């Protein structure tokens, strides 16, 4: 078994900024349409998260998958990012048993407003040194006889517009990574790659708005969408089992076209029109054919399941229309 703790959308505010100051800046930049999605890290939840992750992991070494929006706004200088955000993200895996790892990617709030060039201040920080956070990358782990492959990509084009796109260069990277896996060039054999559980981490949701059960309107979804979701899913149909993402602040777990699709919601952000519930997911890869997902929501000072049973997915038990050779249900 391998355990994954999926968290997303922190929206941390550096020591040099205030929430009111960020709001003022956003208003001056014309942010009212997106303001309802704009949350800031709740300081109580922020302080509790490392402890809560350790409690939920229950002594099991885990992979912490962080799917973007570490920062609340795009103008924190690299020294502030290193001083305020990097130690906090490091503290998450440090609270877990030895051999636990963190796999972070960037969200749109971690990118600048594009003017002449599109860039992220995280490129010049310890995040890049320690995690290669601005790069597309592949990470492979083994747990007993189970191999797990993570594909980490960027879907951001800047903090605004908040829509996302997986660029041709990134799609080419994924295509080559899939080909490398099938030919035994990712550090495991081709047969081990075929049997492995493979996860794609990105920030933007590849789900259509109606998959959120009315929690996400068509208009709001249009301002947040991954514009080329279908070509991406088509590319991944034979090589990816689980999709991990965030951005909407609306947590969901479901089978979608043969993929296991998990929107992390937001682990820390609580301000804004929706008064979003902070959420995290524990994903247990039980074996190559079985995945169990438990959702935890912040309530009364801790993350709890509120009595809800975990969702179990089985390879080959597809209950929704399948894209290509997708195979989970």
C-alpha atoms as a PDB file:
ATOM      1  CA  UNK A   1       0.000   0.000   0.000  1.00  0.00           C
ATOM      2  CA  UNK A   2       1.048   3.590  -0.609  1.00  0.00           C
ATOM      3  CA  UNK A   3      -0.741   6.489   1.111  1.00  0.00           C
ATOM      4  CA  UNK A   4      -1.197   9.894  -0.525  1.00  0.00           C
ATOM      5  CA  UNK A   5      -2.423  12.998   1.306  1.00  0.00           C
ATOM      6  CA  UNK A   6      -3.900  15.339  -1.302  1.00  0.00           C
ATOM      7  CA  UNK A   7      -4.089  19.036  -0.385  1.00  0.00           C
ATOM      8  CA  UNK A   8      -4.596  22.101  -2.542  1.00  0.00           C
ATOM      9  CA  UNK A   9      -5.073  25.873  -2.700  1.00  0.00           C
ATOM     10  CA  UNK A  10      -3.430  27.210   0.447  1.00  0.00           C
ATOM     11  CA  UNK A  11      -3.484  30.911  -0.496  1.00  0.00           C
ATOM     12  CA  UNK A  12      -0.833  31.765   2.076  1.00  0.00           C
ATOM     13  CA  UNK A  13      -0.193  35.437   2.850  1.00  0.00           C
ATOM     14  CA  UNK A  14       3.392  36.504   3.589  1.00  0.00           C
ATOM     15  CA  UNK A  15       4.407  38.333   6.718  1.00  0.00           C
ATOM     16  CA  UNK A  16       4.759  41.566   4.760  1.00  0.00           C
ATOM     17  CA  UNK A  17       1.166  41.591   3.501  1.00  0.00           C
ATOM     18  CA  UNK A  18      -2.292  41.848   5.007  1.00  0.00           C
ATOM     19  CA  UNK A  19      -5.541  40.435   3.702  1.00  0.00           C
ATOM     20  CA  UNK A  20      -7.025  43.929   3.436  1.00  0.00           C
ATOM     21  CA  UNK A  21      -3.947  45.092   1.545  1.00  0.00           C
ATOM     22  CA  UNK A  22      -4.214  42.228  -0.928  1.00  0.00           C
ATOM     23  CA  UNK A  23      -7.934  42.919  -1.403  1.00  0.00           C
ATOM     24  CA  UNK A  24      -7.155  46.576  -2.130  1.00  0.00           C
ATOM     25  CA  UNK A  25      -4.552  45.572  -4.675  1.00  0.00           C
ATOM     26  CA  UNK A  26      -6.913  43.096  -6.341  1.00  0.00           C
ATOM     27  CA  UNK A  27      -9.663  45.719  -6.564  1.00  0.00           C
ATOM     28  CA  UNK A  28      -7.252  48.077  -8.293  1.00  0.00           C
ATOM     29  CA  UNK A  29      -6.468  45.321 -10.801  1.00  0.00           C
ATOM     30  CA  UNK A  30     -10.135  44.648 -11.610  1.00  0.00           C
ATOM     31  CA  UNK A  31     -10.661  41.357  -9.749  1.00  0.00           C
ATOM     32  CA  UNK A  32     -14.364  41.562  -8.698  1.00  0.00           C
ATOM     33  CA  UNK A  33     -15.530  38.626 -10.868  1.00  0.00           C
ATOM     34  CA  UNK A  34     -12.981  36.273  -9.360  1.00  0.00           C
ATOM     35  CA  UNK A  35     -13.214  37.704  -5.830  1.00  0.00           C
ATOM     36  CA  UNK A  36     -15.781  35.112  -4.787  1.00  0.00           C
ATOM     37  CA  UNK A  37     -13.144  32.415  -5.336  1.00  0.00           C
ATOM     38  CA  UNK A  38     -10.394  34.371  -3.680  1.00  0.00           C
ATOM     39  CA  UNK A  39      -9.702  32.888  -0.253  1.00  0.00           C
ATOM     40  CA  UNK A  40      -6.887  33.382   2.187  1.00  0.00           C
ATOM     41  CA  UNK A  41      -5.321  30.829   4.492  1.00  0.00           C
ATOM     42  CA  UNK A  42      -7.167  30.587   7.782  1.00  0.00           C
ATOM     43  CA  UNK A  43      -4.403  30.958  10.366  1.00  0.00           C
ATOM     44  CA  UNK A  44      -5.943  28.439  12.782  1.00  0.00           C
ATOM     45  CA  UNK A  45      -6.237  25.766  10.097  1.00  0.00           C
ATOM     46  CA  UNK A  46      -2.782  26.667   8.774  1.00  0.00           C
ATOM     47  CA  UNK A  47      -1.217  26.049  12.186  1.00  0.00           C
ATOM     48  CA  UNK A  48      -3.139  22.804  12.658  1.00  0.00           C
ATOM     49  CA  UNK A  49      -2.524  21.239   9.246  1.00  0.00           C
ATOM     50  CA  UNK A  50       0.877  19.567   9.920  1.00  0.00           C
ATOM     51  CA  UNK A  51      -0.488  18.033  13.136  1.00  0.00           C
ATOM     52  CA  UNK A  52      -3.682  16.947  11.426  1.00  0.00           C
ATOM     53  CA  UNK A  53      -1.830  15.355   8.518  1.00  0.00           C
ATOM     54  CA  UNK A  54       0.248  13.343  10.991  1.00  0.00           C
ATOM     55  CA  UNK A  55      -2.872  12.230  12.856  1.00  0.00           C
ATOM     56  CA  UNK A  56      -4.716  11.230   9.686  1.00  0.00           C
ATOM     57  CA  UNK A  57      -1.678   9.423   8.227  1.00  0.00           C
ATOM     58  CA  UNK A  58      -1.666   7.257  11.400  1.00  0.00           C
ATOM     59  CA  UNK A  59       2.026   6.484  11.299  1.00  0.00           C
ATOM     60  CA  UNK A  60       2.072   5.479   7.633  1.00  0.00           C
ATOM     61  CA  UNK A  61       4.797   7.163   5.507  1.00  0.00           C
ATOM     62  CA  UNK A  62       2.942   9.233   2.935  1.00  0.00           C
ATOM     63  CA  UNK A  63       3.262  11.284  -0.224  1.00  0.00           C
ATOM     64  CA  UNK A  64       1.931  14.824   0.257  1.00  0.00           C
ATOM     65  CA  UNK A  65       0.505  15.941  -3.102  1.00  0.00           C
ATOM     66  CA  UNK A  66       0.021  19.728  -3.202  1.00  0.00           C
ATOM     67  CA  UNK A  67      -1.816  20.843  -6.337  1.00  0.00           C
ATOM     68  CA  UNK A  68      -1.059  24.540  -6.459  1.00  0.00           C
ATOM     69  CA  UNK A  69      -1.956  27.999  -5.180  1.00  0.00           C
ATOM     70  CA  UNK A  70       0.609  28.000  -2.425  1.00  0.00           C
ATOM     71  CA  UNK A  71       0.573  31.818  -2.386  1.00  0.00           C
ATOM     72  CA  UNK A  72      -2.388  34.165  -2.253  1.00  0.00           C
ATOM     73  CA  UNK A  73      -1.029  36.685  -4.713  1.00  0.00           C
ATOM     74  CA  UNK A  74       1.686  36.808  -7.365  1.00  0.00           C
ATOM     75  CA  UNK A  75       3.927  39.627  -6.122  1.00  0.00           C
ATOM     76  CA  UNK A  76       5.739  38.038  -3.191  1.00  0.00           C
ATOM     77  CA  UNK A  77       9.474  38.382  -3.764  1.00  0.00           C
ATOM     78  CA  UNK A  78      11.545  35.185  -3.729  1.00  0.00           C
ATOM     79  CA  UNK A  79      13.094  35.982  -0.310  1.00  0.00           C
ATOM     80  CA  UNK A  80       9.601  36.218   1.215  1.00  0.00           C
ATOM     81  CA  UNK A  81       8.559  32.975  -0.429  1.00  0.00           C
ATOM     82  CA  UNK A  82      11.614  31.268   1.004  1.00  0.00           C
ATOM     83  CA  UNK A  83      11.081  32.793   4.441  1.00  0.00           C
ATOM     84  CA  UNK A  84       7.323  32.300   4.813  1.00  0.00           C
ATOM     85  CA  UNK A  85       6.076  29.572   2.460  1.00  0.00           C
ATOM     86  CA  UNK A  86       8.927  27.132   1.902  1.00  0.00           C
ATOM     87  CA  UNK A  87       9.410  26.237   5.602  1.00  0.00           C
ATOM     88  CA  UNK A  88       5.673  25.728   5.984  1.00  0.00           C
ATOM     89  CA  UNK A  89       5.447  23.328   3.053  1.00  0.00           C
ATOM     90  CA  UNK A  90       8.537  21.518   4.335  1.00  0.00           C
ATOM     91  CA  UNK A  91       6.881  21.147   7.735  1.00  0.00           C
ATOM     92  CA  UNK A  92       4.083  19.040   6.269  1.00  0.00           C
ATOM     93  CA  UNK A  93       6.210  16.033   5.293  1.00  0.00           C
ATOM     94  CA  UNK A  94       8.441  16.635   8.331  1.00  0.00           C
ATOM     95  CA  UNK A  95       5.422  15.987  10.576  1.00  0.00           C
ATOM     96  CA  UNK A  96       4.946  12.575   8.972  1.00  0.00           C
ATOM     97  CA  UNK A  97       6.992   9.384   9.426  1.00  0.00           C
ATOM     98  CA  UNK A  98      10.455   9.196   7.821  1.00  0.00           C
ATOM     99  CA  UNK A  99      10.541   8.577   4.053  1.00  0.00           C
ATOM    100  CA  UNK A 100       7.445  10.750   3.575  1.00  0.00           C
ATOM    101  CA  UNK A 101       7.766  13.090   0.573  1.00  0.00           C
ATOM    102  CA  UNK A 102       6.139  16.250  -0.761  1.00  0.00           C
ATOM    103  CA  UNK A 103       5.207  16.690  -4.427  1.00  0.00           C
ATOM    104  CA  UNK A 104       4.101  20.299  -5.030  1.00  0.00           C
ATOM    105  CA  UNK A 105       3.062  22.050  -8.225  1.00  0.00           C
ATOM    106  CA  UNK A 106       2.185  25.683  -8.922  1.00  0.00           C
ATOM    107  CA  UNK A 107      -1.281  27.213  -9.203  1.00  0.00           C
ATOM    108  CA  UNK A 108      -2.391  30.302 -11.071  1.00  0.00           C
ATOM    109  CA  UNK A 109      -1.919  32.433  -7.922  1.00  0.00           C
ATOM    110  CA  UNK A 110       1.732  31.410  -7.937  1.00  0.00           C
ATOM    111  CA  UNK A 111       2.207  33.075 -11.336  1.00  0.00           C
ATOM    112  CA  UNK A 112       2.481  36.761 -12.160  1.00  0.00           C
ATOM    113  CA  UNK A 113       0.011  38.804 -14.173  1.00  0.00           C
ATOM    114  CA  UNK A 114       1.359  38.314 -17.705  1.00  0.00           C
ATOM    115  CA  UNK A 115       2.635  41.511 -19.272  1.00  0.00           C
ATOM    116  CA  UNK A 116       5.507  40.883 -21.672  1.00  0.00           C
ATOM    117  CA  UNK A 117       6.522  37.452 -20.420  1.00  0.00           C
ATOM    118  CA  UNK A 118       4.806  34.810 -18.303  1.00  0.00           C
ATOM    119  CA  UNK A 119       6.812  33.982 -15.195  1.00  0.00           C
ATOM    120  CA  UNK A 120       6.597  32.807 -11.603  1.00  0.00           C
ATOM    121  CA  UNK A 121       8.589  34.175  -8.667  1.00  0.00           C
ATOM    122  CA  UNK A 122       8.884  30.570  -7.411  1.00  0.00           C
ATOM    123  CA  UNK A 123      11.488  29.938 -10.115  1.00  0.00           C
ATOM    124  CA  UNK A 124      14.111  31.784  -8.044  1.00  0.00           C
ATOM    125  CA  UNK A 125      13.334  30.107  -4.710  1.00  0.00           C
ATOM    126  CA  UNK A 126      14.143  27.031  -2.657  1.00  0.00           C
ATOM    127  CA  UNK A 127      10.970  25.490  -4.070  1.00  0.00           C
ATOM    128  CA  UNK A 128      12.727  25.196  -7.405  1.00  0.00           C
ATOM    129  CA  UNK A 129      15.953  23.940  -5.804  1.00  0.00           C
ATOM    130  CA  UNK A 130      14.224  21.309  -3.678  1.00  0.00           C
ATOM    131  CA  UNK A 131      11.252  20.276  -5.813  1.00  0.00           C
ATOM    132  CA  UNK A 132      11.851  21.585  -9.379  1.00  0.00           C
ATOM    133  CA  UNK A 133       8.408  23.056  -8.862  1.00  0.00           C
ATOM    134  CA  UNK A 134       8.322  25.077 -12.098  1.00  0.00           C
ATOM    135  CA  UNK A 135       9.236  22.079 -14.273  1.00  0.00           C
ATOM    136  CA  UNK A 136       7.264  19.196 -15.710  1.00  0.00           C
ATOM    137  CA  UNK A 137       8.607  16.058 -14.072  1.00  0.00           C
ATOM    138  CA  UNK A 138       8.077  12.380 -13.314  1.00  0.00           C
ATOM    139  CA  UNK A 139       8.517  10.725  -9.933  1.00  0.00           C
ATOM    140  CA  UNK A 140       8.418   6.956  -9.365  1.00  0.00           C
ATOM    141  CA  UNK A 141       7.893   5.230  -6.015  1.00  0.00           C
ATOM    142  CA  UNK A 142       7.723   1.593  -4.963  1.00  0.00           C
ATOM    143  CA  UNK A 143       5.748   0.203  -2.014  1.00  0.00           C
ATOM    144  CA  UNK A 144       6.219  -3.540  -1.615  1.00  0.00           C
ATOM    145  CA  UNK A 145       5.171  -4.942  -5.022  1.00  0.00           C
ATOM    146  CA  UNK A 146       3.266  -1.796  -6.041  1.00  0.00           C
ATOM    147  CA  UNK A 147       4.837   0.816  -8.307  1.00  0.00           C
ATOM    148  CA  UNK A 148       3.388   4.316  -8.411  1.00  0.00           C
ATOM    149  CA  UNK A 149       4.225   6.907 -11.067  1.00  0.00           C
ATOM    150  CA  UNK A 150       3.475  10.626 -10.640  1.00  0.00           C
ATOM    151  CA  UNK A 151       3.384  12.964 -13.637  1.00  0.00           C
ATOM    152  CA  UNK A 152       3.524  16.615 -12.487  1.00  0.00           C
ATOM    153  CA  UNK A 153       2.666  19.357 -14.968  1.00  0.00           C
ATOM    154  CA  UNK A 154       1.764  23.061 -15.056  1.00  0.00           C
ATOM    155  CA  UNK A 155      -1.581  24.232 -16.431  1.00  0.00           C
ATOM    156  CA  UNK A 156      -1.144  27.946 -15.611  1.00  0.00           C
ATOM    157  CA  UNK A 157      -0.792  30.966 -17.867  1.00  0.00           C
ATOM    158  CA  UNK A 158      -0.626  33.618 -15.134  1.00  0.00           C
ATOM    159  CA  UNK A 159      -2.850  34.557 -12.208  1.00  0.00           C
ATOM    160  CA  UNK A 160      -5.298  36.104 -14.672  1.00  0.00           C
ATOM    161  CA  UNK A 161      -7.072  34.955 -16.676  1.00  0.00           C
ATOM    162  CA  UNK A 162      -7.839  32.145 -14.233  1.00  0.00           C
ATOM    163  CA  UNK A 163      -8.454  29.689 -17.047  1.00  0.00           C
ATOM    164  CA  UNK A 164      -5.768  27.102 -17.670  1.00  0.00           C
ATOM    165  CA  UNK A 165      -4.122  25.460 -20.632  1.00  0.00           C
ATOM    166  CA  UNK A 166      -1.756  22.531 -21.022  1.00  0.00           C
ATOM    167  CA  UNK A 167       0.680  23.824 -23.624  1.00  0.00           C
ATOM    168  CA  UNK A 168       1.884  21.847 -26.653  1.00  0.00           C
ATOM    169  CA  UNK A 169       5.297  21.610 -24.992  1.00  0.00           C
ATOM    170  CA  UNK A 170       3.770  20.065 -21.867  1.00  0.00           C
ATOM    171  CA  UNK A 171       1.656  17.658 -23.911  1.00  0.00           C
ATOM    172  CA  UNK A 172       4.833  16.655 -25.764  1.00  0.00           C
ATOM    173  CA  UNK A 173       6.554  16.067 -22.419  1.00  0.00           C
ATOM    174  CA  UNK A 174       3.700  13.820 -21.280  1.00  0.00           C
ATOM    175  CA  UNK A 175       3.662  11.891 -24.540  1.00  0.00           C
ATOM    176  CA  UNK A 176       7.389  11.222 -24.260  1.00  0.00           C
ATOM    177  CA  UNK A 177       7.092  10.274 -20.577  1.00  0.00           C
ATOM    178  CA  UNK A 178       4.342   7.780 -21.416  1.00  0.00           C
ATOM    179  CA  UNK A 179       6.480   6.337 -24.225  1.00  0.00           C
ATOM    180  CA  UNK A 180       9.458   6.090 -21.874  1.00  0.00           C
ATOM    181  CA  UNK A 181       7.337   4.210 -19.356  1.00  0.00           C
ATOM    182  CA  UNK A 182       6.133   1.723 -21.945  1.00  0.00           C
ATOM    183  CA  UNK A 183       9.735   1.021 -23.012  1.00  0.00           C
ATOM    184  CA  UNK A 184      11.182   0.654 -19.522  1.00  0.00           C
ATOM    185  CA  UNK A 185      13.023   3.982 -19.408  1.00  0.00           C
ATOM    186  CA  UNK A 186      11.538   5.432 -16.199  1.00  0.00           C
ATOM    187  CA  UNK A 187      13.572   3.283 -13.841  1.00  0.00           C
ATOM    188  CA  UNK A 188      11.076   0.425 -13.882  1.00  0.00           C
ATOM    189  CA  UNK A 189      10.438  -2.242 -16.497  1.00  0.00           C
ATOM    190  CA  UNK A 190       7.742  -1.940 -19.130  1.00  0.00           C
ATOM    191  CA  UNK A 191       5.662  -4.603 -17.365  1.00  0.00           C
ATOM    192  CA  UNK A 192       6.047  -2.817 -14.029  1.00  0.00           C
ATOM    193  CA  UNK A 193       4.968   0.429 -15.680  1.00  0.00           C
ATOM    194  CA  UNK A 194       1.932  -1.266 -17.199  1.00  0.00           C
ATOM    195  CA  UNK A 195       0.867  -2.594 -13.780  1.00  0.00           C
ATOM    196  CA  UNK A 196       1.705   0.627 -11.906  1.00  0.00           C
ATOM    197  CA  UNK A 197      -0.881   3.087 -10.657  1.00  0.00           C
ATOM    198  CA  UNK A 198      -0.201   6.352 -12.446  1.00  0.00           C
ATOM    199  CA  UNK A 199      -1.279   9.802 -11.286  1.00  0.00           C
ATOM    200  CA  UNK A 200      -1.371  13.156 -13.079  1.00  0.00           C
ATOM    201  CA  UNK A 201      -1.051  16.287 -10.923  1.00  0.00           C
ATOM    202  CA  UNK A 202      -2.181  19.623 -12.357  1.00  0.00           C
ATOM    203  CA  UNK A 203      -3.857  22.719 -10.940  1.00  0.00           C
ATOM    204  CA  UNK A 204      -6.910  23.247 -13.158  1.00  0.00           C
ATOM    205  CA  UNK A 205      -9.902  20.944 -13.095  1.00  0.00           C
ATOM    206  CA  UNK A 206     -10.427  18.817 -16.225  1.00  0.00           C
ATOM    207  CA  UNK A 207     -14.037  18.154 -15.166  1.00  0.00           C
ATOM    208  CA  UNK A 208     -17.002  19.840 -16.882  1.00  0.00           C
ATOM    209  CA  UNK A 209     -19.060  22.057 -14.580  1.00  0.00           C
ATOM    210  CA  UNK A 210     -21.986  19.625 -14.349  1.00  0.00           C
ATOM    211  CA  UNK A 211     -19.744  17.065 -12.634  1.00  0.00           C
ATOM    212  CA  UNK A 212     -19.822  19.317  -9.545  1.00  0.00           C
ATOM    213  CA  UNK A 213     -23.485  18.606  -8.853  1.00  0.00           C
ATOM    214  CA  UNK A 214     -24.641  22.223  -8.994  1.00  0.00           C
ATOM    215  CA  UNK A 215     -21.876  23.593  -6.758  1.00  0.00           C
ATOM    216  CA  UNK A 216     -20.166  25.208  -9.748  1.00  0.00           C
ATOM    217  CA  UNK A 217     -22.209  27.323 -12.150  1.00  0.00           C
ATOM    218  CA  UNK A 218     -21.670  27.347 -15.892  1.00  0.00           C
ATOM    219  CA  UNK A 219     -20.551  30.996 -15.765  1.00  0.00           C
ATOM    220  CA  UNK A 220     -18.098  30.440 -12.938  1.00  0.00           C
ATOM    221  CA  UNK A 221     -16.747  27.286 -14.564  1.00  0.00           C
ATOM    222  CA  UNK A 222     -16.064  29.224 -17.750  1.00  0.00           C
ATOM    223  CA  UNK A 223     -13.790  31.634 -15.861  1.00  0.00           C
ATOM    224  CA  UNK A 224     -11.879  28.748 -14.245  1.00  0.00           C
ATOM    225  CA  UNK A 225     -11.851  26.034 -16.900  1.00  0.00           C
ATOM    226  CA  UNK A 226      -9.000  24.050 -18.359  1.00  0.00           C
ATOM    227  CA  UNK A 227      -9.533  25.130 -21.937  1.00  0.00           C
ATOM    228  CA  UNK A 228      -8.081  21.998 -23.562  1.00  0.00           C
ATOM    229  CA  UNK A 229      -9.249  19.400 -21.055  1.00  0.00           C
ATOM    230  CA  UNK A 230     -10.535  16.925 -23.651  1.00  0.00           C
ATOM    231  CA  UNK A 231      -7.276  16.704 -25.658  1.00  0.00           C
ATOM    232  CA  UNK A 232      -5.405  16.228 -22.378  1.00  0.00           C
ATOM    233  CA  UNK A 233      -7.719  13.435 -21.250  1.00  0.00           C
ATOM    234  CA  UNK A 234      -7.435  11.796 -24.649  1.00  0.00           C
ATOM    235  CA  UNK A 235      -3.634  11.902 -24.373  1.00  0.00           C
ATOM    236  CA  UNK A 236      -3.772  10.358 -20.886  1.00  0.00           C
ATOM    237  CA  UNK A 237      -6.445   7.730 -21.522  1.00  0.00           C
ATOM    238  CA  UNK A 238      -4.078   4.745 -21.686  1.00  0.00           C
ATOM    239  CA  UNK A 239      -1.465   5.862 -19.148  1.00  0.00           C
ATOM    240  CA  UNK A 240      -3.141   7.714 -16.262  1.00  0.00           C
ATOM    241  CA  UNK A 241      -5.374   6.216 -13.588  1.00  0.00           C
ATOM    242  CA  UNK A 242      -5.876   9.098 -11.139  1.00  0.00           C
ATOM    243  CA  UNK A 243      -6.243  12.839 -11.754  1.00  0.00           C
ATOM    244  CA  UNK A 244      -5.377  15.146  -8.826  1.00  0.00           C
ATOM    245  CA  UNK A 245      -6.179  18.855  -9.141  1.00  0.00           C
ATOM    246  CA  UNK A 246      -7.705  21.873  -7.373  1.00  0.00           C
ATOM    247  CA  UNK A 247      -8.429  25.509  -8.349  1.00  0.00           C
ATOM    248  CA  UNK A 248     -12.243  25.462  -7.948  1.00  0.00           C
ATOM    249  CA  UNK A 249     -12.186  25.288  -4.116  1.00  0.00           C
ATOM    250  CA  UNK A 250     -14.964  22.711  -4.454  1.00  0.00           C
ATOM    251  CA  UNK A 251     -13.839  19.280  -3.324  1.00  0.00           C
ATOM    252  CA  UNK A 252     -15.090  16.230  -5.199  1.00  0.00           C
ATOM    253  CA  UNK A 253     -14.200  12.560  -5.626  1.00  0.00           C
ATOM    254  CA  UNK A 254     -15.603  10.545  -8.517  1.00  0.00           C
ATOM    255  CA  UNK A 255     -15.085   8.196 -11.399  1.00  0.00           C
ATOM    256  CA  UNK A 256     -14.998  10.205 -14.620  1.00  0.00           C
ATOM    257  CA  UNK A 257     -14.661   8.559 -18.013  1.00  0.00           C
ATOM    258  CA  UNK A 258     -12.662   5.750 -16.461  1.00  0.00           C
ATOM    259  CA  UNK A 259     -10.319   7.983 -14.468  1.00  0.00           C
ATOM    260  CA  UNK A 260     -10.430   8.494 -10.709  1.00  0.00           C
ATOM    261  CA  UNK A 261     -10.863  12.287 -10.497  1.00  0.00           C
ATOM    262  CA  UNK A 262     -10.161  14.105  -7.226  1.00  0.00           C
ATOM    263  CA  UNK A 263     -10.552  17.851  -6.773  1.00  0.00           C
ATOM    264  CA  UNK A 264      -8.745  18.780  -3.577  1.00  0.00           C
ATOM    265  CA  UNK A 265     -10.914  21.846  -2.996  1.00  0.00           C
ATOM    266  CA  UNK A 266      -8.936  24.012  -0.604  1.00  0.00           C
ATOM    267  CA  UNK A 267      -7.124  22.855   2.512  1.00  0.00           C
ATOM    268  CA  UNK A 268      -6.733  26.288   4.103  1.00  0.00           C
ATOM    269  CA  UNK A 269      -8.664  29.072   2.354  1.00  0.00           C
ATOM    270  CA  UNK A 270     -11.893  30.090   4.095  1.00  0.00           C
ATOM    271  CA  UNK A 271     -12.651  33.684   3.140  1.00  0.00           C
ATOM    272  CA  UNK A 272     -14.857  34.739   0.256  1.00  0.00           C
ATOM    273  CA  UNK A 273     -18.478  34.477  -0.805  1.00  0.00           C
ATOM    274  CA  UNK A 274     -18.676  30.682  -0.637  1.00  0.00           C
ATOM    275  CA  UNK A 275     -17.265  30.340   2.910  1.00  0.00           C
ATOM    276  CA  UNK A 276     -15.521  27.240   1.613  1.00  0.00           C
ATOM    277  CA  UNK A 277     -15.020  24.243   3.872  1.00  0.00           C
ATOM    278  CA  UNK A 278     -11.366  23.297   4.217  1.00  0.00           C
ATOM    279  CA  UNK A 279     -10.827  19.791   2.844  1.00  0.00           C
ATOM    280  CA  UNK A 280      -8.100  17.216   2.388  1.00  0.00           C
ATOM    281  CA  UNK A 281      -8.149  13.699   0.964  1.00  0.00           C
ATOM    282  CA  UNK A 282      -6.375  10.543   2.059  1.00  0.00           C
ATOM    283  CA  UNK A 283      -5.821   8.229  -0.904  1.00  0.00           C
ATOM    284  CA  UNK A 284      -4.773   4.674  -0.161  1.00  0.00           C
ATOM    285  CA  UNK A 285      -3.419   2.739  -3.128  1.00  0.00           C
ATOM    286  CA  UNK A 286      -4.219  -0.678  -1.655  1.00  0.00           C
ATOM    287  CA  UNK A 287      -2.861  -2.673  -4.582  1.00  0.00           C
ATOM    288  CA  UNK A 288      -2.659  -2.281  -8.354  1.00  0.00           C
ATOM    289  CA  UNK A 289      -6.410  -2.818  -8.705  1.00  0.00           C
ATOM    290  CA  UNK A 290      -7.863  -1.071  -5.640  1.00  0.00           C
ATOM    291  CA  UNK A 291      -7.894   2.574  -4.521  1.00  0.00           C
ATOM    292  CA  UNK A 292      -9.673   3.943  -1.456  1.00  0.00           C
ATOM    293  CA  UNK A 293     -10.321   7.674  -0.945  1.00  0.00           C
ATOM    294  CA  UNK A 294     -11.436   9.258   2.318  1.00  0.00           C
ATOM    295  CA  UNK A 295     -12.446  12.920   2.476  1.00  0.00           C
ATOM    296  CA  UNK A 296     -11.765  14.994   5.600  1.00  0.00           C
ATOM    297  CA  UNK A 297     -13.403  18.365   6.288  1.00  0.00           C
ATOM    298  CA  UNK A 298     -12.436  20.982   8.866  1.00  0.00           C
ATOM    299  CA  UNK A 299     -15.012  21.261  11.610  1.00  0.00           C
ATOM    300  CA  UNK A 300     -14.765  22.269  15.268  1.00  0.00           C
ATOM    301  CA  UNK A 301     -11.004  22.464  15.339  1.00  0.00           C
ATOM    302  CA  UNK A 302      -9.957  19.351  13.412  1.00  0.00           C
ATOM    303  CA  UNK A 303     -10.299  17.511  10.116  1.00  0.00           C
ATOM    304  CA  UNK A 304     -12.909  14.768  10.310  1.00  0.00           C
ATOM    305  CA  UNK A 305     -14.785  12.461   7.970  1.00  0.00           C
ATOM    306  CA  UNK A 306     -18.159  13.456   9.475  1.00  0.00           C
ATOM    307  CA  UNK A 307     -19.096   9.784   9.478  1.00  0.00           C
ATOM    308  CA  UNK A 308     -18.809   9.420   5.704  1.00  0.00           C
ATOM    309  CA  UNK A 309     -17.412   6.127   4.451  1.00  0.00           C
ATOM    310  CA  UNK A 310     -14.426   6.113   2.089  1.00  0.00           C
ATOM    311  CA  UNK A 311     -15.021   5.718  -1.635  1.00  0.00           C
ATOM    312  CA  UNK A 312     -13.507   2.558  -3.114  1.00  0.00           C
ATOM    313  CA  UNK A 313     -12.528   2.313  -6.777  1.00  0.00           C
ATOM    314  CA  UNK A 314     -11.711  -0.913  -8.585  1.00  0.00           C
ATOM    315  CA  UNK A 315      -9.802  -1.314 -11.809  1.00  0.00           C
ATOM    316  CA  UNK A 316     -12.153  -2.588 -14.484  1.00  0.00           C
ATOM    317  CA  UNK A 317     -15.388  -1.573 -12.747  1.00  0.00           C
ATOM    318  CA  UNK A 318     -16.288   1.404 -14.872  1.00  0.00           C
ATOM    319  CA  UNK A 319     -19.689   2.934 -14.140  1.00  0.00           C
ATOM    320  CA  UNK A 320     -19.498   6.031 -16.370  1.00  0.00           C
ATOM    321  CA  UNK A 321     -18.856   6.520 -20.098  1.00  0.00           C
ATOM    322  CA  UNK A 322     -15.226   5.695 -20.768  1.00  0.00           C
ATOM    323  CA  UNK A 323     -12.786   7.800 -22.751  1.00  0.00           C
ATOM    324  CA  UNK A 324     -10.555   5.430 -24.694  1.00  0.00           C
ATOM    325  CA  UNK A 325      -9.235   2.698 -22.442  1.00  0.00           C
ATOM    326  CA  UNK A 326      -9.972   4.358 -19.089  1.00  0.00           C
ATOM    327  CA  UNK A 327     -10.654   1.614 -16.600  1.00  0.00           C
ATOM    328  CA  UNK A 328     -11.625   2.729 -13.065  1.00  0.00           C
ATOM    329  CA  UNK A 329     -15.047   2.779 -11.495  1.00  0.00           C
END
